[in-house]
Amino acid sequence: MERNLTHIALFAALIAVLGLVPKIDLASGVPITAQSLGIMLCGTVLGAKRGTLAVLLFLGLTALGLPLLAGGRGGLGVFVSPTAGYLVGFPLAAFVAGLVMEKWRAPVGMAAFGGAFLGGLVVLHACGIAGMAVVLGKTLPEAAGLALPFFAGDLLKAVIAGAITQGLARVRPQALLSRG
């Protein structure tokens, strides 16, 4: 139990630290950040349940007003901004990435990439695009066009998440809770 809480808190902190990497603002109002890499790693390393809890802890602290999102944003206002759909998608993305790691018995690197891709690209962008459509008053195809610049970077983040997870499995297999 104590080990689980430590991992959950550590990965919530990892997401926050990745928010310190300078963001790139797009015209849609949604920034390109490194935080989605943290979301992917929550799932691939911690698994579905713990990964989701780490993301929910991060979002709870953000809702309380801590400036944990990229660019030092926080508070309830971010949940009604153009990024709201992505924020809703964060725990779902971590859950899907973790579920793929837990259920798919492919080699660790392949399963981690697959989980990060399905969670961090498919699920996260589906939620983000829907959120942008609602908040910005766009159609789904228009909102998808606004999200298009994110796809290449998120594909790269999925590759990085797969490599990090595979490396962790090699040096500390017991730390890979998604395969425990």
Protein backbone atom coordinates (compact mmCIF):
# COMPACT_ATOMS: atom_id res chain seq x y z
CA MET A 1 0.00 0.00 0.00
CA GLU A 2 2.70 2.50 1.00
CA ARG A 3 4.74 1.62 -2.09
CA ASN A 4 1.69 2.24 -4.30
CA LEU A 5 1.06 5.66 -2.74
CA THR A 6 4.70 6.59 -3.21
CA HIS A 7 4.62 5.63 -6.89
CA ILE A 8 1.35 7.49 -7.46
CA ALA A 9 2.72 10.66 -5.85
CA LEU A 10 6.03 10.33 -7.70
CA PHE A 11 4.34 10.06 -11.09
CA ALA A 12 1.99 12.97 -10.33
CA ALA A 13 5.15 14.97 -9.61
CA LEU A 14 6.69 13.72 -12.87
CA ILE A 15 3.74 15.11 -14.83
CA ALA A 16 4.17 18.46 -13.04
CA VAL A 17 7.93 18.54 -13.74
CA LEU A 18 7.34 17.82 -17.42
CA GLY A 19 5.17 20.94 -17.41
CA LEU A 20 8.33 22.97 -16.79
CA VAL A 21 9.62 22.09 -20.25
CA PRO A 22 8.86 25.23 -22.28
CA LYS A 23 5.54 24.98 -24.09
CA ILE A 24 4.78 25.94 -27.66
CA ASP A 25 1.48 27.79 -28.02
CA LEU A 26 -0.68 27.09 -31.04
CA ALA A 27 -3.37 29.34 -32.52
CA SER A 28 -6.07 27.06 -31.04
CA GLY A 29 -5.01 28.02 -27.50
CA VAL A 30 -3.84 24.49 -26.71
CA PRO A 31 -0.09 24.33 -26.04
CA ILE A 32 2.30 21.56 -27.10
CA THR A 33 3.86 20.33 -23.86
CA ALA A 34 5.87 17.41 -22.52
CA GLN A 35 3.17 16.58 -19.97
CA SER A 36 1.46 14.06 -22.22
CA LEU A 37 4.68 12.00 -22.04
CA GLY A 38 4.14 11.85 -18.28
CA ILE A 39 0.56 10.70 -18.82
CA MET A 40 1.78 7.92 -21.11
CA LEU A 41 4.44 6.85 -18.60
CA CYS A 42 1.89 6.75 -15.78
CA GLY A 43 0.04 4.04 -17.65
CA THR A 44 2.98 2.11 -19.10
CA VAL A 45 4.93 1.99 -15.83
CA LEU A 46 2.27 2.02 -13.11
CA GLY A 47 -0.54 0.19 -14.90
CA ALA A 48 -4.16 1.16 -15.43
CA LYS A 49 -5.33 1.70 -11.85
CA ARG A 50 -2.23 3.33 -10.32
CA GLY A 51 -1.53 5.36 -13.47
CA THR A 52 -5.06 6.75 -13.45
CA LEU A 53 -4.78 7.59 -9.75
CA ALA A 54 -1.50 9.45 -10.35
CA VAL A 55 -3.14 11.55 -13.07
CA LEU A 56 -6.21 12.20 -10.91
CA LEU A 57 -3.93 13.37 -8.08
CA PHE A 58 -2.18 15.73 -10.51
CA LEU A 59 -5.52 17.07 -11.79
CA GLY A 60 -6.85 17.48 -8.24
CA LEU A 61 -3.84 19.56 -7.27
CA THR A 62 -4.27 21.58 -10.46
CA ALA A 63 -7.96 22.17 -9.69
CA LEU A 64 -6.97 23.43 -6.23
CA GLY A 65 -5.03 26.18 -7.95
CA LEU A 66 -1.48 24.87 -7.99
CA PRO A 67 0.20 26.10 -11.19
CA LEU A 68 1.16 22.63 -12.41
CA LEU A 69 0.13 22.80 -16.04
CA ALA A 70 2.56 23.97 -18.67
CA GLY A 71 3.02 27.71 -18.51
CA GLY A 72 2.17 27.79 -14.80
CA ARG A 73 -1.57 27.39 -15.25
CA GLY A 74 -3.86 25.98 -12.60
CA GLY A 75 -7.24 26.47 -10.95
CA LEU A 76 -10.74 25.57 -12.02
CA GLY A 77 -10.63 27.89 -15.04
CA VAL A 78 -8.41 25.48 -16.98
CA PHE A 79 -11.29 22.98 -16.94
CA VAL A 80 -13.40 25.30 -19.12
CA SER A 81 -10.59 26.41 -21.44
CA PRO A 82 -9.72 24.97 -24.87
CA THR A 83 -7.54 22.42 -23.03
CA ALA A 84 -10.48 21.03 -21.01
CA GLY A 85 -10.98 18.01 -23.26
CA TYR A 86 -7.32 17.10 -22.98
CA LEU A 87 -7.49 17.38 -19.19
CA VAL A 88 -10.53 15.09 -19.11
CA GLY A 89 -8.64 12.74 -21.42
CA PHE A 90 -5.53 12.58 -19.21
CA PRO A 91 -6.81 9.90 -16.79
CA LEU A 92 -8.51 7.97 -19.61
CA ALA A 93 -5.27 7.98 -21.61
CA ALA A 94 -3.26 6.71 -18.63
CA PHE A 95 -5.87 4.00 -18.00
CA VAL A 96 -5.80 2.77 -21.60
CA ALA A 97 -1.99 2.82 -21.75
CA GLY A 98 -1.86 0.84 -18.51
CA LEU A 99 -4.53 -1.61 -19.62
CA VAL A 100 -2.63 -2.37 -22.82
CA MET A 101 0.54 -2.99 -20.78
CA GLU A 102 -1.29 -5.29 -18.38
CA LYS A 103 -3.21 -7.31 -20.96
CA TRP A 104 -1.01 -7.43 -24.06
CA ARG A 105 1.84 -9.90 -23.48
CA ALA A 106 4.01 -8.55 -26.28
CA PRO A 107 7.60 -7.58 -25.43
CA VAL A 108 7.66 -4.65 -22.98
CA GLY A 109 8.85 -2.00 -25.45
CA MET A 110 6.24 -2.94 -28.04
CA ALA A 111 3.43 -3.11 -25.49
CA ALA A 112 4.50 0.22 -23.98
CA PHE A 113 4.57 1.91 -27.37
CA GLY A 114 1.18 0.38 -28.23
CA GLY A 115 -0.31 1.53 -24.93
CA ALA A 116 1.20 5.00 -25.21
CA PHE A 117 -0.05 5.27 -28.80
CA LEU A 118 -3.61 4.13 -28.02
CA GLY A 119 -3.86 6.11 -24.79
CA GLY A 120 -1.70 9.13 -25.57
CA LEU A 121 -2.74 9.66 -29.17
CA VAL A 122 -6.08 8.00 -29.88
CA VAL A 123 -7.90 8.46 -26.56
CA LEU A 124 -6.26 11.74 -25.55
CA HIS A 125 -6.86 13.39 -28.92
CA ALA A 126 -10.43 12.10 -29.16
CA CYS A 127 -11.19 13.81 -25.84
CA GLY A 128 -9.15 16.89 -26.70
CA ILE A 129 -10.77 17.37 -30.10
CA ALA A 130 -14.25 16.98 -28.61
CA GLY A 131 -13.36 19.52 -25.90
CA MET A 132 -11.99 22.03 -28.40
CA ALA A 133 -15.10 21.64 -30.56
CA VAL A 134 -17.35 22.45 -27.60
CA VAL A 135 -15.29 25.26 -26.05
CA LEU A 136 -14.31 26.94 -29.32
CA GLY A 137 -17.66 26.39 -31.06
CA LYS A 138 -16.10 24.39 -33.90
CA THR A 139 -17.23 21.29 -35.73
CA LEU A 140 -15.38 18.07 -34.98
CA PRO A 141 -13.48 18.18 -38.31
CA GLU A 142 -12.48 21.81 -37.65
CA ALA A 143 -11.28 20.94 -34.16
CA ALA A 144 -9.42 17.91 -35.53
CA GLY A 145 -7.64 20.25 -37.92
CA LEU A 146 -6.54 22.36 -34.96
CA ALA A 147 -5.18 19.24 -33.21
CA LEU A 148 -3.29 17.97 -36.25
CA PRO A 149 0.02 19.71 -35.33
CA PHE A 150 0.14 17.66 -32.11
CA PHE A 151 0.13 14.24 -33.76
CA ALA A 152 3.79 14.03 -34.86
CA GLY A 153 5.07 15.18 -31.47
CA ASP A 154 2.79 12.79 -29.62
CA LEU A 155 3.91 9.94 -31.85
CA LEU A 156 7.49 10.78 -30.85
CA LYS A 157 6.43 10.86 -27.18
CA ALA A 158 4.88 7.38 -27.57
CA VAL A 159 8.21 6.10 -28.94
CA ILE A 160 10.04 7.73 -26.02
CA ALA A 161 7.56 6.26 -23.51
CA GLY A 162 8.13 2.81 -25.03
CA ALA A 163 11.91 3.19 -24.83
CA ILE A 164 11.86 4.49 -21.24
CA THR A 165 9.51 1.73 -20.12
CA GLN A 166 11.64 -0.91 -21.83
CA GLY A 167 14.80 0.52 -20.26
CA LEU A 168 13.19 0.51 -16.83
CA ALA A 169 12.14 -3.11 -17.34
CA ARG A 170 15.76 -4.02 -18.06
CA VAL A 171 17.40 -2.25 -15.13
CA ARG A 172 14.63 -2.54 -12.49
CA PRO A 173 12.00 -5.04 -13.59
CA GLN A 174 10.31 -4.92 -10.17
CA ALA A 175 9.63 -1.19 -10.67
CA LEU A 176 7.46 -1.92 -13.71
CA LEU A 177 4.18 -2.25 -11.82
CA SER A 178 2.16 -2.56 -15.03
CA ARG A 179 3.61 -6.03 -15.56
CA GLY A 180 3.50 -7.12 -11.91
